[in-house]
Amino acid sequence: MKYPALLLFADILPRIGQFDAIIDARSPSEFAEDHIPGAINCPVLDDAQRVQVGTMYKQVNAFEAKKLGAVLIARNIAQHIETLFIGQPREWEPLIYCWRGGNRSGAMAHIMARIGWPVVQLDGGYREFRRHVNDSLSELPQRFSFKVICGPTGSGKSRLLQVLEQQGAQVLDLEQLAAHRGSVLGNLPTELQPSQKTFESRIWQRLQGFDPQRPVFVESESKKVGNLRVPEMLMGRMRNSPCIAVALARSERVRLLIEDYAHFVADPALLNTQLACLAYLHGREKVAQWQKMALSGHIGALVDELLLKHYDPAYAQSIKRNFGQFSNAQILDLTDISDAAFLQAAKQLQQNI
């Protein structure tokens, strides 16, 4: 094969895990929005340089812009090779891509191929990868049988998914992929939500690695997880799949929520900022009472009342309306929130497959 080889993503996908590196030659901001899973960012032009070259292209002419671009690109590629790849052997095989598979990835692929590495360049670049993800998410969910874990807030659905995955089950944890716990209090204190494109790429990566002959466990999410939308085909499949209803005493649910939302316990002012978002549903007076409970340290009583007055009624309305097989759900009783209880529950589910 002549290198650099120019291949479509469909041809690359069966062996994408075999490349020694996947190199994204786009700018840092493009990479941050989304990228092929596992890629590293080696920009041939950073964000400021792209603006600089683009401005010259518009204000002077294409020839002068290309000269400046060539200087910057050559300098950046040399730095990447010197700092990251100089020690790689002759058989080291990277996959390189940019936005359209044009000049940026082409320049890096050409230089690396001239060195002697068996370089592959993605034909169509990230845009081709993105098209593949979009097409796949309209078809992939139909291949799988989903088992939907249902249960009111605090019943341990996420913990159960984690234990199932540890036991080798196929799990699609949408809240984990979205970096959000799915409610008005669901923002994670140490992690921002990814972009919509990254969320979809993460879902695609998980699904395309699953075995269609085995079930996929997933939580009964709404159409949005925080600010991110669950792909339509996946949402439709979930809503028409068999359900497993987790049952846990409310006192245990309160304990679990206090553990999982320890950042709010430690920072009542942050909690009160989020509680203010409920004023349109429960009125300012009721929310002010909840905020006072938070500031006075009555967290257990506050969580219990939030479950009783807000979360449980909302769940009861939503689950029956959106998940057609919930009325026939398998009941899964959790005795408490101990590790042993979740291990036993996960084993029970695995045995009933």
Foldseek 3Di string as FASTA:
>chain_A
DAPPAEDAVVVCVVCVVVALAEEEQDAPVVVQQDDQPRHDYQHLAYPVRVVVLVVCCVPPHNVVSVVSSVVSSVVSLVVCCVPPPVPPDLAREYEYFYQQQDDRRVVNRVVVVVVRYHYYYHHGGVVSVLVVLVVCLLPLLVLAAEEEEEEFQLLCPVVLLVLLVVVPAQEDELCVLQCFPQDLLTHDPPDDGHHQSSSSSVNSVSSVPDDSVGHYYYYLHDQARVPYGDDPNNLVSQQAHAYAYEDDDLLQSLVRVCVVVVVCLVPLVVVLVSLVVCCVPVNPVVSVVLSVCSVVNVSSVSVSVCVVPPGVVVSVVPSVVRRPNPVVHHYQYFHHPDPVSSNVSSVVVVVVD
